[in-house]
Amino acid sequence: MQTKTSYFPSLENVKAASLNLKGVASLTPLSQNFQYSKKFGATILFKREDLQVVRSYKIRGAYNKMSSLVPKEKERGIVCASAGNHAQGVALSCKLLKIKGTIYMPSPTPNQKIEQVKMFGEEYITVVIEGDSFDDAYHAAMVDCESQNKTFIHPFNDEKVIEGQATVGLEILDQTALKIDYVFVAVGGGGLSSGLSSVFKHLSPETKIIGVEPEGAPSMTTSINNRKNTPLQTIDSFVDGAAVKRVGDLNFEICKQHLSDMFTIPEGKICQTILDLYNKDAIVVEPAGALSIAGLDYYAEEIKGKNVVCIVSGSNNDITRTAEIKERALLFANLKHYFIIKFPQRAGALKEFLDDILGPNDDITHFEYTKKTNRENGAAVVGLELKSSDDLAPLIAKMKEKNFYGDYLNDKPDLFQFLV
């Protein structure tokens, strides 16, 4: 792992990485998305790294790093820690380079990603599930690495990894004659954003590179605001491909100088973007893969009439997460609401609630109730899905008027966490 913090990728090294990756990493399409182009009055291009051989750009950095190891390092084997995409890149690189590897993954990693890692690495890799976050897996991997004298393949804080990820930038500039005004890129540990922004600083310095993070894991945003690399105490790991407590030192130094802006997006907005991409374009992306596209709404005025590239960073999404993705999207859109409803302990109370309180388009999606015969009122936890967010205030007003209203749970996180 690199420890210095004054490194900036040279164009020569990035070009060398590009040659090194020929036949390993796919040349992914740079294609215009007409839906988003029309919506924003701009030319919106998607760099489809979700179509990469391991369904993310991570093969670029992993292979570039591992192929640079000397024979003794290859013989001793490698160790890495990853929430999924880096692990897949490392696993495939292990098989291609015939290097034995141990891959540590945190327990919240979707099972789909774990199985993909095993498939790509075959007999060359061993998967170890450790801890609740990338940082937990990272610390366990480092202990193993040091005790066995193996080489650690860092997912982002490494020169060769950064140079490998930077090849995405070279490809974009080779694939279009358009003057690129903006590039939106997801930021986790900072490998892609630091490499990409370095290439554009060399070859297209007028292009604005916009970094986007999930609201629940604002590591780079916090660090840039504090002007020093600042670890977070806790994070929301839902956007597992971009949820780290601490960005890389190398990556931070590059990003703080090369990024034009860095901001966060609510997880619910990311989920809505995932659903929109699937429903309207049949594009399947993971939460981190939707980050750059979700960021367009926050730059709607600035990008009008401009040429904009969004890096679609990955598509390793677990189908079992669909229900949670839909739930988070509805909550963000203010269409899903949870209440404590006070039902009178008498026959017909539920029918009265359905007939007199709910509107014709309101849907009950959650209902928990136990009748208590020794009380005048029985409390039920009820989840409602509305067709319009404007229906919420009239709904609450009718509940209060008819004495059904108990409490609103969406803004009570201590209780709400048990429902979502």
Protein backbone atom coordinates (compact mmCIF):
# COMPACT_ATOMS: atom_id res chain seq x y z
CA MET A 1 0.00 0.00 0.00
CA GLN A 2 1.22 3.50 -0.82
CA THR A 3 1.88 5.86 2.09
CA LYS A 4 3.08 9.04 0.41
CA THR A 5 0.57 11.75 -0.41
CA SER A 6 2.29 13.86 -3.11
CA TYR A 7 1.63 11.57 -6.08
CA PHE A 8 -0.15 12.68 -9.26
CA PRO A 9 -0.59 10.25 -12.20
CA SER A 10 1.45 11.03 -15.28
CA LEU A 11 -0.18 10.76 -18.69
CA GLU A 12 2.61 8.41 -19.78
CA ASN A 13 1.82 5.97 -16.96
CA VAL A 14 -1.90 6.05 -17.73
CA LYS A 15 -1.20 5.33 -21.39
CA ALA A 16 1.05 2.45 -20.33
CA ALA A 17 -1.78 1.12 -18.16
CA SER A 18 -4.12 1.32 -21.15
CA LEU A 19 -1.76 -0.82 -23.22
CA ASN A 20 -1.38 -3.22 -20.31
CA LEU A 21 -5.15 -3.68 -20.12
CA LYS A 22 -5.68 -4.50 -23.80
CA GLY A 23 -7.41 -7.86 -24.05
CA VAL A 24 -8.28 -7.79 -20.34
CA ALA A 25 -10.59 -4.81 -19.81
CA SER A 26 -13.33 -4.17 -22.35
CA LEU A 27 -13.55 -0.95 -24.34
CA THR A 28 -16.96 0.03 -22.95
CA PRO A 29 -19.44 2.12 -24.97
CA LEU A 30 -19.84 5.88 -24.64
CA SER A 31 -23.42 6.36 -25.80
CA GLN A 32 -25.98 9.13 -25.68
CA ASN A 33 -28.99 8.58 -23.44
CA PHE A 34 -31.93 10.23 -25.15
CA GLN A 35 -34.25 10.15 -22.16
CA TYR A 36 -31.91 12.18 -19.97
CA SER A 37 -30.75 14.36 -22.85
CA LYS A 38 -34.34 15.44 -23.46
CA LYS A 39 -35.04 15.91 -19.75
CA PHE A 40 -32.08 18.24 -19.19
CA GLY A 41 -31.85 19.89 -22.61
CA ALA A 42 -28.28 18.66 -22.91
CA THR A 43 -26.24 15.94 -24.60
CA ILE A 44 -26.00 13.31 -21.86
CA LEU A 45 -23.52 10.52 -22.57
CA PHE A 46 -23.22 7.35 -20.47
CA LYS A 47 -19.81 5.71 -20.15
CA ARG A 48 -21.03 2.15 -19.69
CA GLU A 49 -18.56 0.60 -17.25
CA ASP A 50 -21.50 -1.50 -16.06
CA LEU A 51 -20.86 -3.52 -19.24
CA GLN A 52 -17.27 -4.23 -18.25
CA VAL A 53 -16.19 -7.88 -18.03
CA VAL A 54 -16.67 -7.89 -14.22
CA ARG A 55 -19.60 -5.44 -14.51
CA SER A 56 -17.58 -2.52 -13.15
CA TYR A 57 -14.45 -0.52 -13.91
CA LYS A 58 -12.54 -2.18 -11.06
CA ILE A 59 -10.80 -4.72 -13.29
CA ARG A 60 -8.73 -1.83 -14.66
CA GLY A 61 -6.98 -0.90 -11.44
CA ALA A 62 -6.77 -4.42 -10.02
CA TYR A 63 -5.14 -5.95 -13.08
CA ASN A 64 -2.82 -3.01 -13.65
CA LYS A 65 -1.54 -3.30 -10.08
CA MET A 66 -1.26 -7.09 -9.93
CA SER A 67 0.48 -7.40 -13.28
CA SER A 68 3.18 -5.04 -11.96
CA LEU A 69 4.16 -7.38 -9.11
CA VAL A 70 7.59 -9.00 -9.24
CA PRO A 71 7.78 -12.84 -9.42
CA LYS A 72 8.43 -13.29 -5.67
CA GLU A 73 5.38 -11.16 -4.81
CA LYS A 74 3.22 -13.17 -7.17
CA GLU A 75 4.50 -16.42 -5.68
CA ARG A 76 3.66 -15.34 -2.09
CA GLY A 77 0.13 -14.38 -3.12
CA ILE A 78 -2.06 -11.36 -2.54
CA VAL A 79 -4.73 -10.13 -0.12
CA CYS A 80 -7.49 -7.58 -0.67
CA ALA A 81 -10.53 -6.13 1.07
CA SER A 82 -13.62 -5.09 -0.86
CA ALA A 83 -17.38 -4.59 -0.71
CA GLY A 84 -17.62 -6.43 -4.02
CA ASN A 85 -16.52 -4.77 -7.25
CA HIS A 86 -12.81 -4.50 -6.45
CA ALA A 87 -12.98 -8.09 -5.22
CA GLN A 88 -14.30 -9.22 -8.59
CA GLY A 89 -11.56 -7.36 -10.40
CA VAL A 90 -8.94 -8.91 -8.14
CA ALA A 91 -10.48 -12.37 -8.46
CA LEU A 92 -10.41 -12.31 -12.25
CA SER A 93 -6.87 -10.90 -12.19
CA CYS A 94 -5.81 -13.75 -9.89
CA LYS A 95 -7.11 -16.28 -12.41
CA LEU A 96 -5.62 -14.51 -15.44
CA LEU A 97 -2.21 -14.03 -13.78
CA LYS A 98 -2.33 -17.35 -11.87
CA ILE A 99 -1.82 -15.67 -8.49
CA LYS A 100 -3.31 -17.08 -5.28
CA GLY A 101 -5.45 -14.53 -3.46
CA THR A 102 -7.45 -14.14 -0.23
CA ILE A 103 -10.35 -11.70 -0.49
CA TYR A 104 -11.96 -10.18 2.63
CA MET A 105 -15.51 -8.91 2.22
CA PRO A 106 -17.79 -7.22 4.81
CA SER A 107 -20.95 -9.06 5.84
CA PRO A 108 -23.44 -6.56 4.28
CA THR A 109 -22.02 -7.31 0.81
CA PRO A 110 -24.86 -8.60 -1.41
CA ASN A 111 -24.66 -12.36 -1.88
CA GLN A 112 -24.73 -11.85 -5.63
CA LYS A 113 -21.37 -10.09 -5.46
CA ILE A 114 -19.85 -12.79 -3.24
CA GLU A 115 -20.89 -15.51 -5.69
CA GLN A 116 -19.54 -13.49 -8.62
CA VAL A 117 -16.16 -13.19 -6.88
CA LYS A 118 -15.98 -16.95 -6.47
CA MET A 119 -16.98 -17.47 -10.09
CA PHE A 120 -14.34 -15.10 -11.49
CA GLY A 121 -11.51 -16.33 -9.25
CA GLU A 122 -12.29 -20.06 -9.27
CA GLU A 123 -9.59 -22.10 -7.52
CA TYR A 124 -7.19 -19.14 -7.31
CA ILE A 125 -9.07 -17.26 -4.58
CA THR A 126 -10.46 -17.74 -1.06
CA VAL A 127 -13.28 -15.50 0.20
CA VAL A 128 -13.40 -14.52 3.89
CA ILE A 129 -16.46 -12.65 5.25
CA GLU A 130 -15.37 -10.24 7.98
CA GLY A 131 -16.99 -7.31 9.85
CA ASP A 132 -19.83 -4.91 9.10
CA SER A 133 -18.06 -2.43 6.77
CA PHE A 134 -15.23 -2.17 4.28
CA ASP A 135 -13.01 -0.82 7.05
CA ASP A 136 -13.59 -3.90 9.21
CA ALA A 137 -12.71 -6.18 6.30
CA TYR A 138 -9.71 -4.00 5.50
CA HIS A 139 -8.22 -4.29 9.01
CA ALA A 140 -8.64 -8.08 9.01
CA ALA A 141 -7.03 -8.29 5.58
CA MET A 142 -4.06 -6.21 6.73
CA VAL A 143 -3.45 -8.52 9.69
CA ASP A 144 -3.45 -11.52 7.34
CA CYS A 145 -1.27 -9.71 4.81
CA GLU A 146 1.42 -8.74 7.32
CA SER A 147 1.50 -12.09 9.10
CA GLN A 148 1.86 -14.02 5.83
CA ASN A 149 4.14 -11.49 4.06
CA LYS A 150 1.71 -11.16 1.16
CA THR A 151 1.04 -8.15 -1.08
CA PHE A 152 -2.03 -6.08 -0.29
CA ILE A 153 -4.03 -4.93 -3.32
CA HIS A 154 -5.68 -1.72 -2.17
CA PRO A 155 -8.99 -0.84 -3.88
CA PHE A 156 -8.10 2.83 -4.34
CA ASN A 157 -5.07 4.16 -2.42
CA ASP A 158 -2.40 2.88 -4.80
CA GLU A 159 -0.57 4.44 -7.75
CA LYS A 160 -1.01 1.52 -10.14
CA VAL A 161 -4.69 1.17 -9.20
CA ILE A 162 -5.30 4.87 -9.81
CA GLU A 163 -3.52 4.69 -13.18
CA GLY A 164 -5.63 1.70 -14.17
CA GLN A 165 -8.89 3.46 -13.28
CA ALA A 166 -7.65 6.57 -15.11
CA THR A 167 -7.87 4.69 -18.41
CA VAL A 168 -11.63 5.35 -18.30
CA GLY A 169 -10.78 9.01 -18.94
CA LEU A 170 -8.51 8.20 -21.88
CA GLU A 171 -11.26 6.14 -23.49
CA ILE A 172 -13.89 8.87 -23.12
CA LEU A 173 -11.70 11.43 -24.86
CA ASP A 174 -10.85 8.94 -27.62
CA GLN A 175 -14.49 7.98 -28.16
CA THR A 176 -15.98 11.39 -28.91
CA ALA A 177 -15.07 14.52 -30.84
CA LEU A 178 -17.42 16.55 -28.64
CA LYS A 179 -16.03 19.08 -26.22
CA ILE A 180 -16.91 17.59 -22.83
CA ASP A 181 -18.20 20.27 -20.46
CA TYR A 182 -18.98 18.10 -17.42
CA VAL A 183 -18.16 14.63 -16.15
CA PHE A 184 -20.15 13.23 -13.22
CA VAL A 185 -18.42 10.44 -11.31
CA ALA A 186 -19.30 8.41 -8.24
CA VAL A 187 -16.83 8.69 -5.36
CA GLY A 188 -16.17 5.96 -2.82
CA GLY A 189 -12.54 5.70 -1.80
CA GLY A 190 -11.53 7.97 -4.68
CA GLY A 191 -9.73 5.65 -7.10
CA LEU A 192 -11.81 6.39 -10.17
CA SER A 193 -12.36 10.08 -9.43
CA SER A 194 -8.66 10.75 -8.81
CA GLY A 195 -7.51 8.87 -11.92
CA LEU A 196 -10.21 10.23 -14.20
CA SER A 197 -9.78 13.83 -13.06
CA SER A 198 -6.01 13.61 -13.60
CA VAL A 199 -6.45 12.57 -17.22
CA PHE A 200 -8.85 15.42 -17.88
CA LYS A 201 -6.51 17.86 -16.16
CA HIS A 202 -3.84 16.83 -18.70
CA LEU A 203 -5.98 16.59 -21.84
CA SER A 204 -9.15 18.62 -21.27
CA PRO A 205 -8.55 21.00 -18.35
CA GLU A 206 -11.66 23.07 -19.09
CA THR A 207 -13.91 20.05 -18.36
CA LYS A 208 -15.52 20.23 -14.91
CA ILE A 209 -15.28 16.97 -12.96
CA ILE A 210 -18.15 16.62 -10.49
CA GLY A 211 -17.83 14.07 -7.70
CA VAL A 212 -20.97 12.52 -6.19
CA GLU A 213 -21.25 10.60 -2.91
CA PRO A 214 -24.12 8.96 -1.02
CA GLU A 215 -25.48 11.15 1.78
CA GLY A 216 -24.88 8.36 4.29
CA ALA A 217 -21.15 8.06 3.51
CA PRO A 218 -19.81 11.57 2.75
CA SER A 219 -16.12 10.74 3.26
CA MET A 220 -14.64 12.79 0.40
CA THR A 221 -17.06 15.68 0.85
CA THR A 222 -16.23 15.90 4.55
CA SER A 223 -12.50 15.69 3.88
CA ILE A 224 -12.51 18.38 1.20
CA ASN A 225 -14.61 20.66 3.42
CA ASN A 226 -12.18 20.08 6.31
CA ARG A 227 -9.14 20.45 4.01
CA LYS A 228 -7.71 17.24 5.41
CA ASN A 229 -8.48 13.54 5.06
CA THR A 230 -11.12 13.02 7.73
CA PRO A 231 -12.39 9.56 8.74
CA LEU A 232 -16.09 9.18 9.52
CA GLN A 233 -17.21 7.44 12.70
CA THR A 234 -20.28 5.81 11.15
CA ILE A 235 -21.65 5.37 7.62
CA ASP A 236 -24.73 4.00 5.90
CA SER A 237 -23.45 1.05 3.87
CA PHE A 238 -26.51 0.82 1.58
CA VAL A 239 -24.53 2.18 -1.40
CA ASP A 240 -22.00 -0.56 -0.78
CA GLY A 241 -19.80 0.30 -3.77
CA ALA A 242 -19.24 3.84 -2.49
CA ALA A 243 -19.40 3.52 1.29
CA VAL A 244 -16.05 3.92 3.04
CA LYS A 245 -15.26 5.62 6.32
CA ARG A 246 -11.99 7.07 5.03
CA VAL A 247 -10.91 7.89 1.49
CA GLY A 248 -7.36 7.20 0.33
CA ASP A 249 -4.63 9.71 1.14
CA LEU A 250 -3.38 9.66 -2.45
CA ASN A 251 -6.91 10.01 -3.76
CA PHE A 252 -7.81 12.87 -1.43
CA GLU A 253 -4.80 14.95 -2.45
CA ILE A 254 -5.66 14.55 -6.13
CA CYS A 255 -9.41 15.07 -5.76
CA LYS A 256 -9.17 18.18 -3.62
CA GLN A 257 -7.19 19.84 -6.43
CA HIS A 258 -8.85 18.38 -9.53
CA LEU A 259 -12.55 18.08 -8.70
CA SER A 260 -14.63 21.11 -9.59
CA ASP A 261 -17.32 20.15 -7.06
CA MET A 262 -18.10 17.42 -4.58
CA PHE A 263 -21.57 16.84 -3.14
CA THR A 264 -23.84 14.17 -1.65
CA ILE A 265 -27.16 12.66 -2.73
CA PRO A 266 -29.83 11.00 -0.52
CA GLU A 267 -29.98 7.24 -0.82
CA GLY A 268 -33.67 7.48 -1.74
CA LYS A 269 -32.85 9.61 -4.78
CA ILE A 270 -30.28 7.02 -5.85
CA CYS A 271 -32.93 4.30 -5.54
CA GLN A 272 -35.39 6.26 -7.66
CA THR A 273 -32.70 6.60 -10.34
CA ILE A 274 -32.09 2.84 -10.28
CA LEU A 275 -35.80 2.20 -10.87
CA ASP A 276 -36.04 4.84 -13.61
CA LEU A 277 -33.06 3.41 -15.48
CA TYR A 278 -34.54 -0.07 -15.36
CA ASN A 279 -38.12 0.90 -16.21
CA LYS A 280 -37.33 3.39 -18.98
CA ASP A 281 -34.03 2.20 -20.46
CA ALA A 282 -33.76 -1.45 -19.33
CA ILE A 283 -30.39 -0.57 -17.74
CA VAL A 284 -29.57 -2.48 -14.55
CA VAL A 285 -27.23 -0.62 -12.20
CA GLU A 286 -26.15 -1.02 -8.61
CA PRO A 287 -26.60 1.91 -6.18
CA ALA A 288 -23.06 3.22 -6.77
CA GLY A 289 -23.62 2.91 -10.52
CA ALA A 290 -26.61 5.25 -10.32
CA LEU A 291 -24.81 7.97 -8.33
CA SER A 292 -23.48 9.98 -11.25
CA ILE A 293 -26.83 9.98 -13.05
CA ALA A 294 -28.74 10.89 -9.88
CA GLY A 295 -26.45 13.91 -9.59
CA LEU A 296 -27.75 15.48 -12.81
CA ASP A 297 -30.88 16.85 -11.14
CA TYR A 298 -28.74 18.93 -8.80
CA TYR A 299 -26.98 20.55 -11.80
CA ALA A 300 -30.03 20.92 -14.03
CA GLU A 301 -29.51 24.62 -14.77
CA GLU A 302 -25.75 24.47 -15.22
CA ILE A 303 -25.78 21.61 -17.74
CA LYS A 304 -28.43 22.98 -20.13
CA GLY A 305 -27.05 22.94 -23.66
CA LYS A 306 -23.83 21.25 -22.48
CA ASN A 307 -22.08 17.97 -23.28
CA VAL A 308 -22.14 15.83 -20.16
CA VAL A 309 -20.67 12.40 -19.39
CA CYS A 310 -21.95 10.21 -16.56
CA ILE A 311 -19.76 7.29 -15.53
CA VAL A 312 -22.08 4.32 -15.02
CA SER A 313 -19.64 2.60 -12.70
CA GLY A 314 -21.22 -0.81 -12.08
CA SER A 315 -24.18 -3.16 -12.42
CA ASN A 316 -23.57 -5.71 -9.67
CA ASN A 317 -27.00 -5.40 -8.10
CA ASP A 318 -28.60 -8.15 -6.03
CA ILE A 319 -32.22 -8.75 -7.10
CA THR A 320 -33.13 -9.51 -3.48
CA ARG A 321 -32.56 -5.80 -2.72
CA THR A 322 -35.34 -4.70 -5.08
CA ALA A 323 -37.97 -4.37 -2.35
CA GLU A 324 -35.68 -2.18 -0.25
CA ILE A 325 -34.74 -0.07 -3.26
CA LYS A 326 -38.41 0.52 -4.07
CA GLU A 327 -39.18 1.33 -0.43
CA ARG A 328 -36.37 3.89 -0.17
CA ALA A 329 -37.41 5.47 -3.47
CA LEU A 330 -41.03 5.85 -2.33
CA LEU A 331 -39.94 7.35 0.99
CA PHE A 332 -37.73 9.85 -0.79
CA ALA A 333 -40.59 10.82 -3.12
CA ASN A 334 -42.80 11.36 -0.04
CA LEU A 335 -45.20 8.65 -1.24
CA LYS A 336 -44.69 6.04 1.51
CA HIS A 337 -45.78 6.84 5.05
CA TYR A 338 -46.02 4.96 8.32
CA PHE A 339 -48.46 5.82 11.12
CA ILE A 340 -49.65 4.60 14.48
CA ILE A 341 -53.41 4.47 14.02
CA LYS A 342 -55.73 4.36 17.06
CA PHE A 343 -58.62 2.03 16.29
CA PRO A 344 -61.67 2.06 18.59
CA GLN A 345 -62.16 -1.43 20.05
CA ARG A 346 -65.46 -2.05 18.33
CA ALA A 347 -66.72 -3.84 15.27
CA GLY A 348 -66.66 -1.77 12.10
CA ALA A 349 -63.76 0.50 13.10
CA LEU A 350 -61.50 -0.80 10.34
CA LYS A 351 -64.26 -0.42 7.74
CA GLU A 352 -64.77 3.18 8.87
CA PHE A 353 -61.04 3.84 8.44
CA LEU A 354 -61.08 2.37 4.94
CA ASP A 355 -64.27 4.15 3.83
CA ASP A 356 -63.96 7.55 5.52
CA ILE A 357 -60.20 8.14 5.89
CA LEU A 358 -58.38 6.58 2.94
CA GLY A 359 -58.66 8.08 -0.50
CA PRO A 360 -59.51 6.00 -3.60
CA ASN A 361 -55.83 5.81 -4.64
CA ASP A 362 -54.31 5.15 -1.20
CA ASP A 363 -52.87 1.66 -0.72
CA ILE A 364 -52.22 -0.15 2.58
CA THR A 365 -48.80 -1.83 2.32
CA HIS A 366 -48.14 -2.62 5.99
CA PHE A 367 -50.53 -3.47 8.84
CA GLU A 368 -49.73 -4.71 12.37
CA TYR A 369 -52.56 -4.93 14.90
CA THR A 370 -53.50 -7.04 17.92
CA LYS A 371 -56.93 -6.54 19.52
CA LYS A 372 -56.82 -5.77 23.23
CA THR A 373 -60.30 -6.25 24.70
CA ASN A 374 -59.59 -4.35 27.93
CA ARG A 375 -58.83 -1.04 26.17
CA GLU A 376 -60.97 1.55 24.46
CA ASN A 377 -58.48 1.97 21.61
CA GLY A 378 -56.04 -0.44 19.98
CA ALA A 379 -52.93 0.86 18.22
CA ALA A 380 -51.95 -0.43 14.78
CA VAL A 381 -48.83 0.30 12.77
CA VAL A 382 -50.01 1.08 9.24
CA GLY A 383 -47.95 1.76 6.12
CA LEU A 384 -49.63 3.67 3.31
CA GLU A 385 -48.52 4.28 -0.27
CA LEU A 386 -49.97 7.43 -1.84
CA LYS A 387 -50.29 8.36 -5.50
CA SER A 388 -49.30 11.98 -4.83
CA SER A 389 -47.33 13.61 -2.03
CA ASP A 390 -50.03 16.30 -1.96
CA ASP A 391 -52.43 13.70 -0.50
CA LEU A 392 -50.52 13.48 2.80
CA ALA A 393 -51.78 16.62 4.56
CA PRO A 394 -55.49 15.96 3.81
CA LEU A 395 -55.04 12.35 4.93
CA ILE A 396 -53.59 13.37 8.31
CA ALA A 397 -56.31 15.99 8.72
CA LYS A 398 -59.05 13.37 8.23
CA MET A 399 -57.32 10.99 10.68
CA LYS A 400 -57.27 13.69 13.34
CA GLU A 401 -60.85 14.76 12.66
CA LYS A 402 -62.12 11.18 13.11
CA ASN A 403 -59.79 10.50 16.12
CA PHE A 404 -57.80 7.79 14.34
CA TYR A 405 -54.47 9.63 14.38
CA GLY A 406 -51.88 8.31 16.82
CA ASP A 407 -48.45 9.31 15.52
CA TYR A 408 -46.39 9.77 12.34
CA LEU A 409 -43.35 7.49 12.23
CA ASN A 410 -41.35 8.60 9.16
CA ASP A 411 -39.58 11.34 11.11
CA LYS A 412 -38.86 9.18 14.19
CA PRO A 413 -35.68 7.30 13.24
CA ASP A 414 -35.48 5.25 16.45
CA LEU A 415 -38.84 3.66 15.64
CA PHE A 416 -38.69 3.91 11.87
CA GLN A 417 -35.59 1.72 11.60
CA PHE A 418 -37.68 -1.32 12.59
CA LEU A 419 -40.00 -0.81 9.62
CA VAL A 420 -37.59 -0.14 6.74
